[in-house]
Structure formats: structure tokens, C-alpha cells
Protein backbone atom coordinates (compact mmCIF):
# COMPACT_ATOMS: atom_id res chain seq x y z
CA MET A 1 -0.03 0.01 0.04
CA LEU A 2 2.32 2.79 1.43
CA LYS A 3 5.99 2.59 1.08
CA VAL A 4 8.45 5.38 2.28
CA GLU A 5 12.02 4.69 1.48
CA ASN A 6 15.18 6.55 2.65
CA LEU A 7 13.32 9.72 3.18
CA GLU A 8 14.98 12.95 4.04
CA CYS A 9 13.18 16.14 4.33
CA GLY A 10 12.83 19.35 6.51
CA TYR A 11 12.25 23.02 6.54
CA GLY A 12 14.59 25.45 5.21
CA LYS A 13 18.07 24.51 6.30
CA LEU A 14 16.61 22.43 9.10
CA THR A 15 16.70 18.62 8.36
CA VAL A 16 14.01 16.71 10.22
CA LEU A 17 13.92 13.32 8.75
CA ARG A 18 16.97 11.21 7.99
CA GLY A 19 16.78 8.04 6.00
CA VAL A 20 13.18 7.16 7.20
CA SER A 21 11.73 3.85 5.72
CA ILE A 22 8.34 2.67 6.64
CA GLU A 23 5.65 0.49 5.01
CA VAL A 24 1.91 0.13 5.60
CA GLY A 25 0.00 -2.91 3.97
CA ALA A 26 -3.55 -3.96 4.69
CA GLU A 27 -3.04 -3.37 8.34
CA SER A 28 -2.87 -0.84 11.24
CA VAL A 29 0.55 0.67 11.81
CA GLY A 30 1.65 2.92 14.63
CA LEU A 31 4.12 5.68 14.60
CA PHE A 32 5.48 6.65 18.01
CA GLY A 33 8.14 9.05 19.42
CA PRO A 34 8.62 12.23 21.56
CA ASN A 35 7.55 15.66 20.50
CA GLY A 36 9.89 16.90 17.95
CA ALA A 37 10.94 13.37 16.58
CA GLY A 38 9.42 14.11 13.26
CA LYS A 39 6.07 12.32 13.10
CA THR A 40 4.12 15.11 11.80
CA THR A 41 6.79 16.01 9.31
CA LEU A 42 6.52 12.56 7.97
CA ILE A 43 2.70 12.88 7.63
CA ASN A 44 3.22 16.16 5.90
CA ALA A 45 5.59 14.58 3.51
CA ILE A 46 3.23 11.87 2.70
CA MET A 47 0.43 14.36 2.16
CA GLY A 48 2.46 16.57 -0.19
CA LEU A 49 2.88 19.45 2.33
CA VAL A 50 6.64 19.07 2.49
CA SER A 51 8.75 18.01 -0.44
CA PRO A 52 11.35 15.24 0.03
CA ARG A 53 14.93 16.18 -0.42
CA SER A 54 15.82 12.56 -1.22
CA GLY A 55 14.16 9.24 -0.97
CA SER A 56 10.66 8.06 -2.21
CA ILE A 57 7.00 7.88 -1.30
CA SER A 58 4.76 5.51 -3.14
CA LEU A 59 1.14 4.37 -2.85
CA GLU A 60 0.37 1.05 -4.64
CA GLY A 61 3.64 1.35 -6.47
CA ARG A 62 3.00 4.86 -7.79
CA GLU A 63 5.40 7.62 -6.72
CA ILE A 64 3.70 10.40 -4.80
CA GLY A 65 6.49 12.12 -3.19
CA GLY A 66 6.49 15.84 -3.84
CA GLY A 67 2.97 15.54 -5.31
CA LYS A 68 0.20 18.05 -4.75
CA THR A 69 -1.89 17.46 -1.78
CA HIS A 70 -5.31 17.29 -3.64
CA GLU A 71 -3.84 14.71 -6.09
CA ILE A 72 -2.59 12.60 -3.24
CA ALA A 73 -6.03 12.70 -1.57
CA ARG A 74 -7.71 11.63 -4.82
CA ALA A 75 -5.21 8.79 -5.05
CA GLY A 76 -6.65 7.50 -1.81
CA ILE A 77 -4.99 8.78 1.26
CA ALA A 78 -7.15 10.73 3.85
CA LEU A 79 -5.78 12.56 6.83
CA VAL A 80 -7.30 13.39 10.22
CA PRO A 81 -5.04 16.13 11.57
CA GLN A 82 -4.45 16.93 15.29
CA GLU A 83 -6.63 19.98 15.41
CA ARG A 84 -9.64 18.22 13.70
CA GLU A 85 -10.12 21.30 11.62
CA LEU A 86 -13.94 20.92 11.30
CA PHE A 87 -16.21 23.79 10.13
CA PRO A 88 -17.78 24.62 13.59
CA GLY A 89 -20.72 26.52 12.16
CA MET A 90 -21.73 23.83 10.02
CA SER A 91 -23.67 20.80 10.88
CA VAL A 92 -22.23 17.26 11.29
CA ALA A 93 -24.07 16.43 8.09
CA ASP A 94 -22.44 19.14 6.15
CA ASN A 95 -19.00 18.24 7.53
CA LEU A 96 -19.32 14.64 6.57
CA GLU A 97 -20.62 15.67 3.11
CA LEU A 98 -17.49 17.73 2.53
CA GLY A 99 -15.34 14.66 2.93
CA ALA A 100 -16.63 13.20 -0.39
CA ALA A 101 -17.27 16.41 -2.18
CA TYR A 102 -13.99 16.76 -4.11
CA ILE A 103 -13.13 13.09 -4.47
CA PRO A 104 -14.84 11.83 -7.58
CA HIS A 105 -14.97 8.09 -6.67
CA ALA A 106 -16.09 8.89 -3.15
CA LYS A 107 -18.91 11.48 -4.31
CA ALA A 108 -20.31 8.75 -6.52
CA ASN A 109 -20.64 6.41 -3.51
CA ALA A 110 -21.21 9.03 -0.90
CA ALA A 111 -24.69 7.71 0.25
CA ARG A 112 -23.37 4.13 0.89
CA GLN A 113 -20.18 5.43 2.64
CA LEU A 114 -22.42 7.66 4.93
CA GLU A 115 -24.19 4.48 6.15
CA VAL A 116 -20.81 2.90 7.05
CA VAL A 117 -19.73 6.12 8.96
CA LEU A 118 -22.97 6.48 10.81
CA GLU A 119 -22.89 2.80 11.83
CA LEU A 120 -19.37 3.09 13.09
CA PHE A 121 -20.15 6.17 14.96
CA PRO A 122 -23.79 5.89 16.14
CA ILE A 123 -23.63 9.33 18.00
CA LEU A 124 -23.20 11.07 14.71
CA LYS A 125 -26.43 9.91 13.58
CA GLU A 126 -28.10 11.13 16.73
CA ARG A 127 -26.44 14.52 16.34
CA TYR A 128 -26.68 14.54 12.56
CA ARG A 129 -28.15 18.08 12.44
CA GLN A 130 -26.20 19.56 15.29
CA LEU A 131 -23.61 22.26 14.66
CA ALA A 132 -20.17 20.61 14.82
CA GLY A 133 -18.79 23.38 17.02
CA THR A 134 -21.30 22.64 19.87
CA MET A 135 -20.25 18.91 20.24
CA SER A 136 -17.80 17.61 22.85
CA GLY A 137 -14.13 17.21 21.93
CA GLY A 138 -14.53 13.44 21.60
CA GLN A 139 -17.63 13.81 19.39
CA GLN A 140 -15.75 16.24 17.16
CA ARG A 141 -12.96 13.83 16.75
CA MET A 142 -15.44 11.35 15.57
CA VAL A 143 -16.86 13.71 13.02
CA ALA A 144 -13.30 14.37 11.74
CA ILE A 145 -12.53 10.67 11.30
CA GLY A 146 -16.04 10.23 9.76
CA ARG A 147 -15.39 13.08 7.41
CA ALA A 148 -12.07 11.46 6.24
CA LEU A 149 -13.73 8.03 5.79
CA MET A 150 -16.26 9.78 3.54
CA ALA A 151 -13.37 10.12 0.93
CA ASN A 152 -13.43 6.27 0.85
CA PRO A 153 -9.71 6.15 1.27
CA LYS A 154 -7.27 3.31 0.73
CA LEU A 155 -5.14 4.63 3.60
CA LEU A 156 -6.44 6.50 6.59
CA ILE A 157 -3.76 8.62 8.60
CA LEU A 158 -4.60 9.83 12.04
CA ASP A 159 -2.32 12.40 13.71
CA GLU A 160 -2.62 12.16 17.51
CA PRO A 161 -6.17 11.24 17.58
CA SER A 162 -6.36 10.99 21.53
CA LEU A 163 -4.94 14.50 21.90
CA GLY A 164 -6.93 16.39 24.42
CA LEU A 165 -9.52 13.77 25.07
CA GLN A 166 -10.52 12.15 28.45
CA PRO A 167 -9.49 8.55 28.90
CA SER A 168 -13.01 7.06 28.32
CA ILE A 169 -13.33 8.75 25.05
CA VAL A 170 -9.80 7.75 24.03
CA ALA A 171 -10.72 4.00 24.64
CA GLU A 172 -13.76 4.43 22.45
CA VAL A 173 -11.87 6.07 19.64
CA PHE A 174 -9.30 3.29 19.62
CA GLU A 175 -11.98 0.67 19.81
CA ARG A 176 -13.40 2.15 16.59
CA LEU A 177 -9.99 2.05 15.03
CA THR A 178 -9.70 -1.73 15.76
CA LEU A 179 -12.98 -2.22 13.79
CA LEU A 180 -11.77 0.20 11.02
CA LYS A 181 -8.59 -1.73 10.22
CA LYS A 182 -10.73 -4.57 8.82
CA SER A 183 -11.65 -2.44 5.81
CA VAL A 184 -8.98 0.35 5.45
CA SER A 185 -5.22 0.51 6.05
CA ILE A 186 -4.32 2.75 8.94
CA LEU A 187 -1.14 4.78 9.81
CA VAL A 188 -1.66 6.48 13.32
CA THR A 189 0.78 8.76 15.20
CA GLU A 190 0.36 8.59 18.97
CA GLN A 191 1.78 9.81 22.32
CA ASN A 192 -0.61 7.30 24.04
CA VAL A 193 1.54 4.34 23.14
CA ARG A 194 -0.06 1.77 25.55
CA GLU A 195 -3.66 2.50 24.19
CA SER A 196 -2.32 2.35 20.72
CA LEU A 197 -0.62 -0.96 20.91
CA ARG A 198 -3.96 -2.49 21.82
CA SER A 199 -5.46 -1.63 18.31
CA ILE A 200 -2.39 -1.81 15.96
CA ASP A 201 -0.55 -4.54 14.10
CA ARG A 202 2.87 -3.17 13.82
CA GLY A 203 4.59 -0.11 14.89
CA TYR A 204 7.81 2.23 14.41
CA VAL A 205 9.53 4.34 17.09
CA LEU A 206 10.75 7.55 15.47
CA GLU A 207 13.48 9.36 17.41
CA ASN A 208 15.51 12.29 16.28
CA GLY A 209 14.43 11.99 12.71
CA ALA A 210 15.17 8.34 12.28
CA ILE A 211 13.54 5.00 12.89
CA ALA A 212 14.87 3.59 16.24
CA VAL A 213 12.71 0.62 16.68
CA GLU A 214 10.54 -1.51 14.55
CA ASP A 215 8.28 -4.54 15.50
CA ASP A 216 4.81 -5.87 15.81
CA ALA A 217 2.56 -4.72 18.63
CA LYS A 218 3.41 -7.59 20.94
CA GLY A 219 7.19 -6.90 20.45
CA LEU A 220 6.94 -3.33 21.06
CA LEU A 221 5.00 -3.97 24.22
CA THR A 222 7.91 -5.97 25.68
CA ASN A 223 10.93 -3.94 24.01
CA PRO A 224 13.06 -2.69 26.89
CA HIS A 225 13.43 0.73 25.26
CA VAL A 226 9.74 1.17 24.57
CA VAL A 227 8.82 0.03 28.13
CA SER A 228 11.13 2.51 29.78
CA ALA A 229 10.72 5.41 27.50
CA TYR A 230 7.12 5.34 26.59
CA LEU A 231 5.13 2.93 28.78
CA GLY A 232 6.40 4.48 32.18
CA ILE A 233 7.34 1.03 33.74
């Protein structure tokens, strides 16, 4: 699905990523690391917001590195950013509709995909006509994920989905991600490593702009470095 090879990129004279290589197949993959490690930069590079200095980024064998963001979205990658970036003065229905509005294949199947989203997040069906800005943080996160799913993506990227959410809502969001990985490939960046490891198949630890650890979820859970640095044990 997604393949990043020997990626180097940054901002101006600052190099953030150095020789980063990751893959995401038909699975759920976690990307962990401290603030400033380069997780968001990697996502920005995948989405065409940062141009690679060297290396490659491909989706299903097609090079997308350095491509335009709207073209990458149409190719099948949807992003749920940290800030959610909803339209608060618009209803849940309108926010969801926008997810498919500019993706031709998604727009053609919007009604069917909407059923999938509302089944995954029943609260959105209850609040369908409510203004998105009046909902709780957890509910807004669900709207953001639902909007991304309306694009009917091949790969769903979530940047810190638990950020700012209370523990019970975090657990609910990750429960939905466990269900989602049956139908769409997922790449998720997270500070909440413990919760993430319950829902992913594999993961990478990014530190100082390079991959420090790579393993399946079980291996990461018992890796001494991961345990001491990220699990607080």
C-alpha cells in the first residue's frame, strides 16, 4: 500500500527526517516518538505538504512524493489532523458531506459510505443536524474521522487522535480504530503508546528524525526501550 524509502526532508536549512523507511500494508501501523521527533513532518511529506529532499514515497507502487495534496487525496489517502479542523458553524451532516465532495469516486458512493460512517459512530447519527462546534471534543474527533472516511480512502492517517480527550473517550476512539482496520489501512501517530498498542498490528518508534525501533505490537510492548521510554514502567 504505502512505502516510504530512505526519506530525507525538513524545513529550510533544518533537516528533520534522515533516511526514514516505513511500510503500511493491509493493516494498522503505529508511529510513536517524542514531540519533535518528526512524526508530523513524515505525515506532511506523505500528504505533499513537505517536499522530499531525497528518497521516495509511493502508494500502490506509484510515486507520490512531492505531489500536490489534492492529487494525493484523490489517489486514496485521507488525513485526520491533530486539530480536527472542522467547520464549527456547519452541521455534522455538512461536515461529513464535504469529505466526499471533491473526491470523484467517493462522491459517487457517498450515500453508501455515509451509512458505514454512521454505523461506526452512532452518536453522529443522533447529532446529525447539530452544529459541529457545539459538540464535545470526543464527538468532534469522531466527526473528523468520519469526514475522512467519507473520502473512501485506501489509507487513513490519524495524527494524534487521542490528543486532548478524556480517557474513556480515548478508549472508545481506539475501539473504533480496531474495527476500521478490517476495511482500510491505517497509519496512526500517537503519544498514548499503551492504548495504541492494543489496536495496531505493527509499529515504528521515530526518534531524532530516524527509525529507532520497528516491531509488531507484541514485540513493542515488551521491548525494553519502549517500556522504559514510553510505557512508564
